[in-house]
Amino acid sequence: MGIFSRMTDIINSNLTSLLDKAEDPKKMIRMMIQEMEETLVEVRSSSARVIADRKTTGRRLERMRSEATEWESKAMLAINKGREDLARAALSEKQQIEKDADAIEEELSALDEHLEHLNEEVGQLQIKLNDAKAKQKAMLLRQSSVESRIRVKRQNHKEALDDAFEKFERFERRVDSLEGQLESMDIGMQPKADLKSQIDALAENDDINDELARLKEKMIKTN
């Protein structure tokens, strides 16, 4: 089912109000434009048919006026020839044709009025269509602007995260450097003796002291 039930609904519609109430304004404006364009095609097709009828009826009227003039000429010829009876018959034909011509003139007048009305409706419909397209363009531009701003914010957020990770990595590299300097200071130094080595060294010292005491005692006895 269309948004508009007839052309007058389109012409009298408040596009802004309809879009404000729509759940999906983008879809609504697209449907509006489609229906307006279809209606515009229909109205213009109708106008083309009326114009064709107007031309056909106009040619009929011209032929009938020409026939009326011919019957008048025939009536004059009959009078000149003294045939008043024929003149009367010719004038009767002329009057009948003129009555038919009057009816056709009324028909032409109605067609002209119809064409004027269609032309006015087409103009109003075109204005509504242009308005709808302008609103759609503004809507798309607004959407594009919002999407662009979102992309910028995401990029800024990503750059902020990248910067934070880069700072953290620089800090880690600095800590690694300091630890490396600290560990390098121990390179080439004798490792501390373990507990067993220290105890063995004490035993060796005792043996040496005992041997030294023995030698001293021996020297004393010799002297």
C-alpha atoms as a PDB file:
ATOM      1  CA  MET A   1       0.000   0.000   0.000  1.00  0.00           C
ATOM      2  CA  GLY A   2       1.353   3.413  -0.965  1.00  0.00           C
ATOM      3  CA  ILE A   3       2.037   6.267   1.389  1.00  0.00           C
ATOM      4  CA  PHE A   4      -0.362   8.468  -0.577  1.00  0.00           C
ATOM      5  CA  SER A   5      -3.763   7.238  -1.715  1.00  0.00           C
ATOM      6  CA  ARG A   6      -4.163   9.869  -4.426  1.00  0.00           C
ATOM      7  CA  MET A   7      -2.364  12.825  -5.970  1.00  0.00           C
ATOM      8  CA  THR A   8      -4.124  15.402  -3.805  1.00  0.00           C
ATOM      9  CA  ASP A   9      -2.667  13.615  -0.769  1.00  0.00           C
ATOM     10  CA  ILE A  10       0.816  14.219  -2.142  1.00  0.00           C
ATOM     11  CA  ILE A  11       0.152  17.867  -2.918  1.00  0.00           C
ATOM     12  CA  ASN A  12      -1.406  18.520   0.499  1.00  0.00           C
ATOM     13  CA  SER A  13       1.075  16.402   2.460  1.00  0.00           C
ATOM     14  CA  ASN A  14       3.483  17.720   5.084  1.00  0.00           C
ATOM     15  CA  LEU A  15       6.680  15.852   4.288  1.00  0.00           C
ATOM     16  CA  THR A  16       8.513  17.034   7.389  1.00  0.00           C
ATOM     17  CA  SER A  17       5.715  15.830   9.670  1.00  0.00           C
ATOM     18  CA  LEU A  18       5.535  12.449   7.945  1.00  0.00           C
ATOM     19  CA  LEU A  19       9.292  11.952   8.237  1.00  0.00           C
ATOM     20  CA  ASP A  20       9.305  12.963  11.904  1.00  0.00           C
ATOM     21  CA  LYS A  21       6.764  10.229  12.638  1.00  0.00           C
ATOM     22  CA  ALA A  22       8.517   7.558  10.558  1.00  0.00           C
ATOM     23  CA  GLU A  23      10.440   4.757  12.255  1.00  0.00           C
ATOM     24  CA  ASP A  24      12.892   4.691   9.341  1.00  0.00           C
ATOM     25  CA  PRO A  25      13.009   8.181   7.730  1.00  0.00           C
ATOM     26  CA  LYS A  26      15.500   7.077   5.045  1.00  0.00           C
ATOM     27  CA  LYS A  27      13.205   4.293   3.877  1.00  0.00           C
ATOM     28  CA  MET A  28      10.154   6.568   4.121  1.00  0.00           C
ATOM     29  CA  ILE A  29      11.658   9.358   1.990  1.00  0.00           C
ATOM     30  CA  ARG A  30      12.804   6.792  -0.595  1.00  0.00           C
ATOM     31  CA  MET A  31       9.259   5.391  -0.827  1.00  0.00           C
ATOM     32  CA  MET A  32       7.814   8.910  -1.058  1.00  0.00           C
ATOM     33  CA  ILE A  33      10.076   9.831  -3.948  1.00  0.00           C
ATOM     34  CA  GLN A  34       9.297   6.591  -5.768  1.00  0.00           C
ATOM     35  CA  GLU A  35       5.542   7.093  -5.415  1.00  0.00           C
ATOM     36  CA  MET A  36       5.787  10.755  -6.458  1.00  0.00           C
ATOM     37  CA  GLU A  37       7.792   9.869  -9.560  1.00  0.00           C
ATOM     38  CA  GLU A  38       5.311   7.131 -10.503  1.00  0.00           C
ATOM     39  CA  THR A  39       2.374   9.513  -9.971  1.00  0.00           C
ATOM     40  CA  LEU A  40       4.128  12.195 -12.014  1.00  0.00           C
ATOM     41  CA  VAL A  41       4.545   9.749 -14.903  1.00  0.00           C
ATOM     42  CA  GLU A  42       0.856   8.825 -14.705  1.00  0.00           C
ATOM     43  CA  VAL A  43      -0.283  12.463 -14.646  1.00  0.00           C
ATOM     44  CA  ARG A  44       1.943  13.389 -17.561  1.00  0.00           C
ATOM     45  CA  SER A  45       0.665  10.384 -19.530  1.00  0.00           C
ATOM     46  CA  SER A  46      -2.884  11.528 -18.811  1.00  0.00           C
ATOM     47  CA  SER A  47      -1.956  15.045 -19.917  1.00  0.00           C
ATOM     48  CA  ALA A  48      -0.522  13.669 -23.165  1.00  0.00           C
ATOM     49  CA  ARG A  49      -3.787  11.864 -23.904  1.00  0.00           C
ATOM     50  CA  VAL A  50      -5.811  15.015 -23.202  1.00  0.00           C
ATOM     51  CA  ILE A  51      -3.535  17.062 -25.453  1.00  0.00           C
ATOM     52  CA  ALA A  52      -3.983  14.498 -28.245  1.00  0.00           C
ATOM     53  CA  ASP A  53      -7.779  14.636 -27.776  1.00  0.00           C
ATOM     54  CA  ARG A  54      -7.582  18.438 -27.840  1.00  0.00           C
ATOM     55  CA  LYS A  55      -5.766  18.407 -31.159  1.00  0.00           C
ATOM     56  CA  THR A  56      -8.208  15.917 -32.703  1.00  0.00           C
ATOM     57  CA  THR A  57     -11.227  17.860 -31.501  1.00  0.00           C
ATOM     58  CA  GLY A  58      -9.712  21.113 -32.738  1.00  0.00           C
ATOM     59  CA  ARG A  59      -9.288  19.700 -36.228  1.00  0.00           C
ATOM     60  CA  ARG A  60     -12.937  18.514 -36.201  1.00  0.00           C
ATOM     61  CA  LEU A  61     -14.064  22.017 -35.267  1.00  0.00           C
ATOM     62  CA  GLU A  62     -12.050  23.563 -38.083  1.00  0.00           C
ATOM     63  CA  ARG A  63     -13.541  21.141 -40.600  1.00  0.00           C
ATOM     64  CA  MET A  64     -17.078  21.873 -39.374  1.00  0.00           C
ATOM     65  CA  ARG A  65     -16.555  25.622 -39.606  1.00  0.00           C
ATOM     66  CA  SER A  66     -15.215  25.143 -43.112  1.00  0.00           C
ATOM     67  CA  GLU A  67     -18.318  23.072 -43.976  1.00  0.00           C
ATOM     68  CA  ALA A  68     -20.591  25.763 -42.532  1.00  0.00           C
ATOM     69  CA  THR A  69     -18.894  28.349 -44.731  1.00  0.00           C
ATOM     70  CA  GLU A  70     -19.340  26.106 -47.776  1.00  0.00           C
ATOM     71  CA  TRP A  71     -23.096  25.675 -47.089  1.00  0.00           C
ATOM     72  CA  GLU A  72     -23.436  29.420 -46.786  1.00  0.00           C
ATOM     73  CA  SER A  73     -21.746  29.825 -50.155  1.00  0.00           C
ATOM     74  CA  LYS A  74     -24.110  27.214 -51.617  1.00  0.00           C
ATOM     75  CA  ALA A  75     -27.101  29.050 -50.170  1.00  0.00           C
ATOM     76  CA  MET A  76     -25.904  32.296 -51.814  1.00  0.00           C
ATOM     77  CA  LEU A  77     -25.476  30.487 -55.129  1.00  0.00           C
ATOM     78  CA  ALA A  78     -29.020  29.077 -54.897  1.00  0.00           C
ATOM     79  CA  ILE A  79     -30.416  32.535 -54.204  1.00  0.00           C
ATOM     80  CA  ASN A  80     -28.580  33.934 -57.210  1.00  0.00           C
ATOM     81  CA  LYS A  81     -30.102  31.169 -59.319  1.00  0.00           C
ATOM     82  CA  GLY A  82     -33.574  31.866 -58.010  1.00  0.00           C
ATOM     83  CA  ARG A  83     -33.748  28.653 -56.048  1.00  0.00           C
ATOM     84  CA  GLU A  84     -34.791  29.892 -52.633  1.00  0.00           C
ATOM     85  CA  ASP A  85     -35.848  26.383 -51.646  1.00  0.00           C
ATOM     86  CA  LEU A  86     -32.321  25.126 -52.135  1.00  0.00           C
ATOM     87  CA  ALA A  87     -30.991  28.161 -50.304  1.00  0.00           C
ATOM     88  CA  ARG A  88     -33.196  27.330 -47.338  1.00  0.00           C
ATOM     89  CA  ALA A  89     -31.978  23.706 -47.317  1.00  0.00           C
ATOM     90  CA  ALA A  90     -28.371  24.851 -47.500  1.00  0.00           C
ATOM     91  CA  LEU A  91     -28.859  27.255 -44.610  1.00  0.00           C
ATOM     92  CA  SER A  92     -30.540  24.479 -42.588  1.00  0.00           C
ATOM     93  CA  GLU A  93     -27.441  22.312 -43.088  1.00  0.00           C
ATOM     94  CA  LYS A  94     -25.283  25.264 -42.071  1.00  0.00           C
ATOM     95  CA  GLN A  95     -27.268  25.796 -38.846  1.00  0.00           C
ATOM     96  CA  GLN A  96     -27.049  22.111 -37.904  1.00  0.00           C
ATOM     97  CA  ILE A  97     -23.288  22.144 -38.449  1.00  0.00           C
ATOM     98  CA  GLU A  98     -22.965  25.331 -36.382  1.00  0.00           C
ATOM     99  CA  LYS A  99     -24.877  23.690 -33.501  1.00  0.00           C
ATOM    100  CA  ASP A 100     -22.539  20.722 -33.647  1.00  0.00           C
ATOM    101  CA  ALA A 101     -19.596  23.138 -33.773  1.00  0.00           C
ATOM    102  CA  ASP A 102     -20.880  24.936 -30.669  1.00  0.00           C
ATOM    103  CA  ALA A 103     -20.978  21.607 -28.822  1.00  0.00           C
ATOM    104  CA  ILE A 104     -17.437  20.871 -29.929  1.00  0.00           C
ATOM    105  CA  GLU A 105     -16.309  24.317 -28.755  1.00  0.00           C
ATOM    106  CA  GLU A 106     -17.731  23.503 -25.326  1.00  0.00           C
ATOM    107  CA  GLU A 107     -15.839  20.213 -25.436  1.00  0.00           C
ATOM    108  CA  LEU A 108     -12.653  22.050 -26.339  1.00  0.00           C
ATOM    109  CA  SER A 109     -13.227  24.492 -23.510  1.00  0.00           C
ATOM    110  CA  ALA A 110     -13.587  21.587 -21.071  1.00  0.00           C
ATOM    111  CA  LEU A 111     -10.414  19.984 -22.418  1.00  0.00           C
ATOM    112  CA  ASP A 112      -8.523  23.261 -22.050  1.00  0.00           C
ATOM    113  CA  GLU A 113      -9.765  23.579 -18.476  1.00  0.00           C
ATOM    114  CA  HIS A 114      -8.719  19.986 -17.769  1.00  0.00           C
ATOM    115  CA  LEU A 115      -5.273  20.619 -19.257  1.00  0.00           C
ATOM    116  CA  GLU A 116      -4.842  23.737 -17.156  1.00  0.00           C
ATOM    117  CA  HIS A 117      -5.781  21.772 -14.036  1.00  0.00           C
ATOM    118  CA  LEU A 118      -3.359  18.962 -14.940  1.00  0.00           C
ATOM    119  CA  ASN A 119      -0.616  21.467 -15.641  1.00  0.00           C
ATOM    120  CA  GLU A 120      -1.151  23.036 -12.223  1.00  0.00           C
ATOM    121  CA  GLU A 121      -1.120  19.644 -10.519  1.00  0.00           C
ATOM    122  CA  VAL A 122       2.039  18.598 -12.347  1.00  0.00           C
ATOM    123  CA  GLY A 123       3.722  21.809 -11.216  1.00  0.00           C
ATOM    124  CA  GLN A 124       2.683  21.286  -7.578  1.00  0.00           C
ATOM    125  CA  LEU A 125       3.697  17.633  -7.716  1.00  0.00           C
ATOM    126  CA  GLN A 126       7.097  18.555  -9.171  1.00  0.00           C
ATOM    127  CA  ILE A 127       7.630  21.030  -6.323  1.00  0.00           C
ATOM    128  CA  LYS A 128       6.816  18.303  -3.778  1.00  0.00           C
ATOM    129  CA  LEU A 129       9.155  15.897  -5.555  1.00  0.00           C
ATOM    130  CA  ASN A 130      11.979  18.449  -5.565  1.00  0.00           C
ATOM    131  CA  ASP A 131      11.362  19.097  -1.869  1.00  0.00           C
ATOM    132  CA  ALA A 132      11.474  15.377  -1.097  1.00  0.00           C
ATOM    133  CA  LYS A 133      14.713  14.936  -3.045  1.00  0.00           C
ATOM    134  CA  ALA A 134      16.245  17.910  -1.233  1.00  0.00           C
ATOM    135  CA  LYS A 135      15.286  16.386   2.119  1.00  0.00           C
ATOM    136  CA  GLN A 136      16.739  13.030   1.032  1.00  0.00           C
ATOM    137  CA  LYS A 137      19.987  14.728  -0.025  1.00  0.00           C
ATOM    138  CA  ALA A 138      20.215  16.576   3.297  1.00  0.00           C
ATOM    139  CA  MET A 139      19.513  13.330   5.147  1.00  0.00           C
ATOM    140  CA  LEU A 140      22.264  11.498   3.234  1.00  0.00           C
ATOM    141  CA  LEU A 141      24.709  14.358   3.813  1.00  0.00           C
ATOM    142  CA  ARG A 142      23.922  14.303   7.514  1.00  0.00           C
ATOM    143  CA  GLN A 143      24.435  10.529   7.633  1.00  0.00           C
ATOM    144  CA  SER A 144      27.734  10.877   5.760  1.00  0.00           C
ATOM    145  CA  SER A 145      28.870  13.589   8.188  1.00  0.00           C
ATOM    146  CA  VAL A 146      28.006  11.460  11.222  1.00  0.00           C
ATOM    147  CA  GLU A 147      29.760   8.410   9.765  1.00  0.00           C
ATOM    148  CA  SER A 148      32.815  10.549   9.002  1.00  0.00           C
ATOM    149  CA  ARG A 149      32.890  11.874  12.572  1.00  0.00           C
ATOM    150  CA  ILE A 150      32.594   8.325  13.911  1.00  0.00           C
ATOM    151  CA  ARG A 151      35.519   7.224  11.744  1.00  0.00           C
ATOM    152  CA  VAL A 152      37.597  10.164  13.009  1.00  0.00           C
ATOM    153  CA  LYS A 153      36.767   9.358  16.634  1.00  0.00           C
ATOM    154  CA  ARG A 154      37.642   5.699  16.112  1.00  0.00           C
ATOM    155  CA  GLN A 155      40.908   6.689  14.463  1.00  0.00           C
ATOM    156  CA  ASN A 156      41.739   9.074  17.304  1.00  0.00           C
ATOM    157  CA  HIS A 157      40.909   6.371  19.840  1.00  0.00           C
ATOM    158  CA  LYS A 158      43.092   3.880  17.993  1.00  0.00           C
ATOM    159  CA  GLU A 159      45.944   6.387  17.829  1.00  0.00           C
ATOM    160  CA  ALA A 160      45.604   7.055  21.577  1.00  0.00           C
ATOM    161  CA  LEU A 161      45.787   3.309  22.301  1.00  0.00           C
ATOM    162  CA  ASP A 162      48.749   2.897  19.970  1.00  0.00           C
ATOM    163  CA  ASP A 163      50.503   5.782  21.715  1.00  0.00           C
ATOM    164  CA  ALA A 164      49.827   4.247  25.146  1.00  0.00           C
ATOM    165  CA  PHE A 165      51.175   0.852  24.026  1.00  0.00           C
ATOM    166  CA  GLU A 166      54.218   2.536  22.518  1.00  0.00           C
ATOM    167  CA  LYS A 167      54.936   4.365  25.786  1.00  0.00           C
ATOM    168  CA  PHE A 168      54.551   1.102  27.718  1.00  0.00           C
ATOM    169  CA  GLU A 169      56.948  -0.657  25.355  1.00  0.00           C
ATOM    170  CA  ARG A 170      59.483   2.172  25.752  1.00  0.00           C
ATOM    171  CA  PHE A 171      59.185   1.812  29.545  1.00  0.00           C
ATOM    172  CA  GLU A 172      59.733  -1.972  29.306  1.00  0.00           C
ATOM    173  CA  ARG A 173      62.792  -1.416  27.124  1.00  0.00           C
ATOM    174  CA  ARG A 174      64.155   1.071  29.674  1.00  0.00           C
ATOM    175  CA  VAL A 175      63.668  -1.432  32.551  1.00  0.00           C
ATOM    176  CA  ASP A 176      65.342  -4.151  30.467  1.00  0.00           C
ATOM    177  CA  SER A 177      68.264  -1.804  29.860  1.00  0.00           C
ATOM    178  CA  LEU A 178      68.669  -1.019  33.561  1.00  0.00           C
ATOM    179  CA  GLU A 179      68.513  -4.699  34.488  1.00  0.00           C
ATOM    180  CA  GLY A 180      71.104  -5.445  31.826  1.00  0.00           C
ATOM    181  CA  GLN A 181      73.430  -2.812  33.232  1.00  0.00           C
ATOM    182  CA  LEU A 182      73.004  -4.250  36.731  1.00  0.00           C
ATOM    183  CA  GLU A 183      73.703  -7.816  35.637  1.00  0.00           C
ATOM    184  CA  SER A 184      76.713  -6.727  33.580  1.00  0.00           C
ATOM    185  CA  MET A 185      78.402  -5.519  36.760  1.00  0.00           C
ATOM    186  CA  ASP A 186      78.683  -9.136  38.020  1.00  0.00           C
ATOM    187  CA  ILE A 187      80.354 -10.386  34.868  1.00  0.00           C
ATOM    188  CA  GLY A 188      83.999 -11.622  35.622  1.00  0.00           C
ATOM    189  CA  MET A 189      83.597 -11.686  39.396  1.00  0.00           C
ATOM    190  CA  GLN A 190      84.375 -14.984  41.333  1.00  0.00           C
ATOM    191  CA  PRO A 191      81.186 -16.568  42.467  1.00  0.00           C
ATOM    192  CA  LYS A 192      80.759 -16.912  46.206  1.00  0.00           C
ATOM    193  CA  ALA A 193      81.785 -20.262  47.608  1.00  0.00           C
ATOM    194  CA  ASP A 194      78.980 -22.512  48.553  1.00  0.00           C
ATOM    195  CA  LEU A 195      78.536 -23.859  52.106  1.00  0.00           C
ATOM    196  CA  LYS A 196      80.499 -27.105  51.495  1.00  0.00           C
ATOM    197  CA  SER A 197      83.488 -25.280  50.043  1.00  0.00           C
ATOM    198  CA  GLN A 198      83.625 -22.915  52.991  1.00  0.00           C
ATOM    199  CA  ILE A 199      83.570 -25.843  55.483  1.00  0.00           C
ATOM    200  CA  ASP A 200      86.273 -27.728  53.539  1.00  0.00           C
ATOM    201  CA  ALA A 201      88.437 -24.610  53.600  1.00  0.00           C
ATOM    202  CA  LEU A 202      88.160 -24.487  57.395  1.00  0.00           C
ATOM    203  CA  ALA A 203      89.359 -28.111  57.622  1.00  0.00           C
ATOM    204  CA  GLU A 204      92.297 -27.365  55.361  1.00  0.00           C
ATOM    205  CA  ASN A 205      93.293 -24.445  57.580  1.00  0.00           C
ATOM    206  CA  ASP A 206      93.274 -26.662  60.656  1.00  0.00           C
ATOM    207  CA  ASP A 207      95.557 -29.195  58.954  1.00  0.00           C
ATOM    208  CA  ILE A 208      97.968 -26.474  57.951  1.00  0.00           C
ATOM    209  CA  ASN A 209      97.980 -25.010  61.455  1.00  0.00           C
ATOM    210  CA  ASP A 210      98.668 -28.437  62.961  1.00  0.00           C
ATOM    211  CA  GLU A 211     101.520 -29.048  60.516  1.00  0.00           C
ATOM    212  CA  LEU A 212     102.927 -25.612  61.255  1.00  0.00           C
ATOM    213  CA  ALA A 213     102.847 -26.271  65.024  1.00  0.00           C
ATOM    214  CA  ARG A 214     104.559 -29.615  64.552  1.00  0.00           C
ATOM    215  CA  LEU A 215     107.383 -28.060  62.584  1.00  0.00           C
ATOM    216  CA  LYS A 216     107.868 -25.341  65.161  1.00  0.00           C
ATOM    217  CA  GLU A 217     108.057 -27.925  67.989  1.00  0.00           C
ATOM    218  CA  LYS A 218     110.593 -29.976  66.093  1.00  0.00           C
ATOM    219  CA  MET A 219     112.805 -26.971  65.477  1.00  0.00           C
ATOM    220  CA  ILE A 220     112.759 -26.108  69.184  1.00  0.00           C
ATOM    221  CA  LYS A 221     113.893 -29.613  70.178  1.00  0.00           C
ATOM    222  CA  THR A 222     116.652 -29.552  67.620  1.00  0.00           C
ATOM    223  CA  ASN A 223     118.112 -26.330  68.984  1.00  0.00           C
END
